Amino acid sequence: MASAPSLGKVYIIFIYTRKYTKLYEAALVLAVTSLAALLLGSLLKVEA
């Protein structure tokens, strides 16, 4: 009986961490793409 609530807690934490990692991945991708765009823009400015 004592193991059931703890399993539920672990499951809830797992769901939250999965949501958080997805959010973190999206933020990381956005940061990388914006950084690449800035680098590309500076390179184009230098060549122009």
PDB file of N, CA and C in Angstrom:
ATOM      1  N   MET A   1       0.826  -1.212   0.000  1.00  0.00           N
ATOM      2  CA  MET A   1       0.000   0.000   0.000  1.00  0.00           C
ATOM      3  C   MET A   1       0.867   1.272   0.000  1.00  0.00           C
ATOM      4  N   ALA A   2       2.001   1.225   0.687  1.00  0.00           N
ATOM      5  CA  ALA A   2       2.868   2.400   0.806  1.00  0.00           C
ATOM      6  C   ALA A   2       3.599   2.699  -0.503  1.00  0.00           C
ATOM      7  N   SER A   3       3.764   1.670  -1.350  1.00  0.00           N
ATOM      8  CA  SER A   3       4.511   1.857  -2.592  1.00  0.00           C
ATOM      9  C   SER A   3       3.679   2.554  -3.674  1.00  0.00           C
ATOM     10  N   ALA A   4       2.355   2.442  -3.596  1.00  0.00           N
ATOM     11  CA  ALA A   4       1.488   3.021  -4.626  1.00  0.00           C
ATOM     12  C   ALA A   4       1.594   4.558  -4.714  1.00  0.00           C
ATOM     13  N   PRO A   5       1.495   5.310  -3.601  1.00  0.00           N
ATOM     14  CA  PRO A   5       1.607   6.767  -3.677  1.00  0.00           C
ATOM     15  C   PRO A   5       2.986   7.224  -4.162  1.00  0.00           C
ATOM     16  N   SER A   6       4.055   6.532  -3.729  1.00  0.00           N
ATOM     17  CA  SER A   6       5.403   6.908  -4.142  1.00  0.00           C
ATOM     18  C   SER A   6       5.566   6.681  -5.645  1.00  0.00           C
ATOM     19  N   LEU A   7       4.976   5.605  -6.162  1.00  0.00           N
ATOM     20  CA  LEU A   7       5.030   5.340  -7.606  1.00  0.00           C
ATOM     21  C   LEU A   7       4.311   6.441  -8.367  1.00  0.00           C
ATOM     22  N   GLY A   8       3.193   6.882  -7.828  1.00  0.00           N
ATOM     23  CA  GLY A   8       2.436   7.966  -8.442  1.00  0.00           C
ATOM     24  C   GLY A   8       3.237   9.257  -8.466  1.00  0.00           C
ATOM     25  N   LYS A   9       3.937   9.523  -7.366  1.00  0.00           N
ATOM     26  CA  LYS A   9       4.784  10.717  -7.286  1.00  0.00           C
ATOM     27  C   LYS A   9       5.887  10.659  -8.338  1.00  0.00           C
ATOM     28  N   VAL A  10       6.538   9.512  -8.451  1.00  0.00           N
ATOM     29  CA  VAL A  10       7.609   9.321  -9.433  1.00  0.00           C
ATOM     30  C   VAL A  10       7.069   9.533 -10.836  1.00  0.00           C
ATOM     31  N   TYR A  11       5.873   9.012 -11.107  1.00  0.00           N
ATOM     32  CA  TYR A  11       5.251   9.145 -12.425  1.00  0.00           C
ATOM     33  C   TYR A  11       4.959  10.610 -12.752  1.00  0.00           C
ATOM     34  N   ILE A  12       4.435  11.347 -11.777  1.00  0.00           N
ATOM     35  CA  ILE A  12       4.132  12.779 -11.958  1.00  0.00           C
ATOM     36  C   ILE A  12       5.418  13.555 -12.227  1.00  0.00           C
ATOM     37  N   ILE A  13       6.468  13.262 -11.448  1.00  0.00           N
ATOM     38  CA  ILE A  13       7.760  13.919 -11.633  1.00  0.00           C
ATOM     39  C   ILE A  13       8.307  13.609 -13.021  1.00  0.00           C
ATOM     40  N   PHE A  14       8.135  12.339 -13.453  1.00  0.00           N
ATOM     41  CA  PHE A  14       8.609  11.918 -14.772  1.00  0.00           C
ATOM     42  C   PHE A  14       7.904  12.702 -15.877  1.00  0.00           C
ATOM     43  N   ILE A  15       6.590  12.868 -15.753  1.00  0.00           N
ATOM     44  CA  ILE A  15       5.805  13.623 -16.743  1.00  0.00           C
ATOM     45  C   ILE A  15       6.272  15.080 -16.781  1.00  0.00           C
ATOM     46  N   TYR A  16       6.473  15.681 -15.597  1.00  0.00           N
ATOM     47  CA  TYR A  16       6.902  17.078 -15.527  1.00  0.00           C
ATOM     48  C   TYR A  16       8.295  17.263 -16.123  1.00  0.00           C
ATOM     49  N   THR A  17       9.204  16.327 -15.821  1.00  0.00           N
ATOM     50  CA  THR A  17      10.562  16.439 -16.353  1.00  0.00           C
ATOM     51  C   THR A  17      10.559  16.259 -17.865  1.00  0.00           C
ATOM     52  N   ARG A  18       9.696  15.398 -18.376  1.00  0.00           N
ATOM     53  CA  ARG A  18       9.602  15.211 -19.828  1.00  0.00           C
ATOM     54  C   ARG A  18       9.106  16.490 -20.498  1.00  0.00           C
ATOM     55  N   LYS A  19       8.117  17.123 -19.898  1.00  0.00           N
ATOM     56  CA  LYS A  19       7.601  18.396 -20.423  1.00  0.00           C
ATOM     57  C   LYS A  19       8.682  19.457 -20.369  1.00  0.00           C
ATOM     58  N   TYR A  20       9.429  19.478 -19.261  1.00  0.00           N
ATOM     59  CA  TYR A  20      10.483  20.468 -19.067  1.00  0.00           C
ATOM     60  C   TYR A  20      11.616  20.255 -20.065  1.00  0.00           C
ATOM     61  N   THR A  21      12.006  18.997 -20.311  1.00  0.00           N
ATOM     62  CA  THR A  21      13.090  18.727 -21.247  1.00  0.00           C
ATOM     63  C   THR A  21      12.675  19.087 -22.670  1.00  0.00           C
ATOM     64  N   LYS A  22      11.395  18.866 -22.999  1.00  0.00           N
ATOM     65  CA  LYS A  22      10.900  19.253 -24.328  1.00  0.00           C
ATOM     66  C   LYS A  22      10.969  20.772 -24.489  1.00  0.00           C
ATOM     67  N   LEU A  23      10.609  21.488 -23.438  1.00  0.00           N
ATOM     68  CA  LEU A  23      10.653  22.953 -23.433  1.00  0.00           C
ATOM     69  C   LEU A  23      12.102  23.422 -23.550  1.00  0.00           C
ATOM     70  N   TYR A  24      12.991  22.742 -22.810  1.00  0.00           N
ATOM     71  CA  TYR A  24      14.412  23.076 -22.830  1.00  0.00           C
ATOM     72  C   TYR A  24      15.011  22.829 -24.211  1.00  0.00           C
ATOM     73  N   GLU A  25      14.626  21.703 -24.830  1.00  0.00           N
ATOM     74  CA  GLU A  25      15.099  21.385 -26.176  1.00  0.00           C
ATOM     75  C   GLU A  25      14.644  22.436 -27.176  1.00  0.00           C
ATOM     76  N   ALA A  26      13.396  22.868 -27.065  1.00  0.00           N
ATOM     77  CA  ALA A  26      12.853  23.886 -27.968  1.00  0.00           C
ATOM     78  C   ALA A  26      13.604  25.210 -27.794  1.00  0.00           C
ATOM     79  N   ALA A  27      13.886  25.581 -26.553  1.00  0.00           N
ATOM     80  CA  ALA A  27      14.620  26.813 -26.269  1.00  0.00           C
ATOM     81  C   ALA A  27      16.048  26.731 -26.802  1.00  0.00           C
ATOM     82  N   LEU A  28      16.651  25.541 -26.652  1.00  0.00           N
ATOM     83  CA  LEU A  28      18.014  25.331 -27.137  1.00  0.00           C
ATOM     84  C   LEU A  28      18.070  25.442 -28.650  1.00  0.00           C
ATOM     85  N   VAL A  29      17.114  24.830 -29.334  1.00  0.00           N
ATOM     86  CA  VAL A  29      17.049  24.887 -30.796  1.00  0.00           C
ATOM     87  C   VAL A  29      16.858  26.331 -31.257  1.00  0.00           C
ATOM     88  N   LEU A  30      15.980  27.047 -30.565  1.00  0.00           N
ATOM     89  CA  LEU A  30      15.711  28.451 -30.899  1.00  0.00           C
ATOM     90  C   LEU A  30      16.973  29.297 -30.710  1.00  0.00           C
ATOM     91  N   ALA A  31      17.687  29.060 -29.617  1.00  0.00           N
ATOM     92  CA  ALA A  31      18.918  29.801 -29.337  1.00  0.00           C
ATOM     93  C   ALA A  31      19.979  29.517 -30.403  1.00  0.00           C
ATOM     94  N   VAL A  32      20.132  28.260 -30.765  1.00  0.00           N
ATOM     95  CA  VAL A  32      21.128  27.874 -31.770  1.00  0.00           C
ATOM     96  C   VAL A  32      20.793  28.474 -33.131  1.00  0.00           C
ATOM     97  N   THR A  33      19.528  28.419 -33.517  1.00  0.00           N
ATOM     98  CA  THR A  33      19.127  28.962 -34.820  1.00  0.00           C
ATOM     99  C   THR A  33      19.279  30.483 -34.860  1.00  0.00           C
ATOM    100  N   SER A  34      18.945  31.154 -33.771  1.00  0.00           N
ATOM    101  CA  SER A  34      19.088  32.614 -33.735  1.00  0.00           C
ATOM    102  C   SER A  34      20.564  33.006 -33.773  1.00  0.00           C
ATOM    103  N   LEU A  35      21.401  32.221 -33.086  1.00  0.00           N
ATOM    104  CA  LEU A  35      22.836  32.471 -33.092  1.00  0.00           C
ATOM    105  C   LEU A  35      23.402  32.255 -34.492  1.00  0.00           C
ATOM    106  N   ALA A  36      22.955  31.203 -35.165  1.00  0.00           N
ATOM    107  CA  ALA A  36      23.392  30.920 -36.538  1.00  0.00           C
ATOM    108  C   ALA A  36      22.953  32.038 -37.479  1.00  0.00           C
ATOM    109  N   ALA A  37      21.737  32.546 -37.281  1.00  0.00           N
ATOM    110  CA  ALA A  37      21.218  33.642 -38.109  1.00  0.00           C
ATOM    111  C   ALA A  37      22.045  34.917 -37.898  1.00  0.00           C
ATOM    112  N   LEU A  38      22.417  35.170 -36.640  1.00  0.00           N
ATOM    113  CA  LEU A  38      23.250  36.342 -36.332  1.00  0.00           C
ATOM    114  C   LEU A  38      24.627  36.217 -36.977  1.00  0.00           C
ATOM    115  N   LEU A  39      25.206  35.028 -36.893  1.00  0.00           N
ATOM    116  CA  LEU A  39      26.510  34.783 -37.505  1.00  0.00           C
ATOM    117  C   LEU A  39      26.441  34.938 -39.011  1.00  0.00           C
ATOM    118  N   LEU A  40      25.386  34.390 -39.600  1.00  0.00           N
ATOM    119  CA  LEU A  40      25.191  34.472 -41.048  1.00  0.00           C
ATOM    120  C   LEU A  40      25.009  35.933 -41.469  1.00  0.00           C
ATOM    121  N   GLY A  41      24.233  36.674 -40.684  1.00  0.00           N
ATOM    122  CA  GLY A  41      23.997  38.085 -40.967  1.00  0.00           C
ATOM    123  C   GLY A  41      25.275  38.902 -40.909  1.00  0.00           C
ATOM    124  N   SER A  42      26.114  38.624 -39.908  1.00  0.00           N
ATOM    125  CA  SER A  42      27.381  39.354 -39.778  1.00  0.00           C
ATOM    126  C   SER A  42      28.324  38.998 -40.925  1.00  0.00           C
ATOM    127  N   LEU A  43      28.303  37.747 -41.337  1.00  0.00           N
ATOM    128  CA  LEU A  43      29.142  37.311 -42.459  1.00  0.00           C
ATOM    129  C   LEU A  43      28.708  37.990 -43.752  1.00  0.00           C
ATOM    130  N   LEU A  44      27.395  38.077 -43.941  1.00  0.00           N
ATOM    131  CA  LEU A  44      26.859  38.723 -45.145  1.00  0.00           C
ATOM    132  C   LEU A  44      27.182  40.217 -45.139  1.00  0.00           C
ATOM    133  N   LYS A  45      27.132  40.831 -43.957  1.00  0.00           N
ATOM    134  CA  LYS A  45      27.453  42.263 -43.833  1.00  0.00           C
ATOM    135  C   LYS A  45      28.928  42.514 -44.170  1.00  0.00           C
ATOM    136  N   VAL A  46      29.778  41.598 -43.738  1.00  0.00           N
ATOM    137  CA  VAL A  46      31.221  41.731 -43.981  1.00  0.00           C
ATOM    138  C   VAL A  46      31.507  41.619 -45.483  1.00  0.00           C
ATOM    139  N   GLU A  47      30.831  40.665 -46.139  1.00  0.00           N
ATOM    140  CA  GLU A  47      31.052  40.449 -47.581  1.00  0.00           C
ATOM    141  C   GLU A  47      30.442  41.552 -48.429  1.00  0.00           C
ATOM    142  N   ALA A  48      29.356  42.132 -47.969  1.00  0.00           N
ATOM    143  CA  ALA A  48      28.652  43.157 -48.757  1.00  0.00           C
ATOM    144  C   ALA A  48      29.420  44.467 -48.829  1.00  0.00           C
TER     145      ALA A  48
END
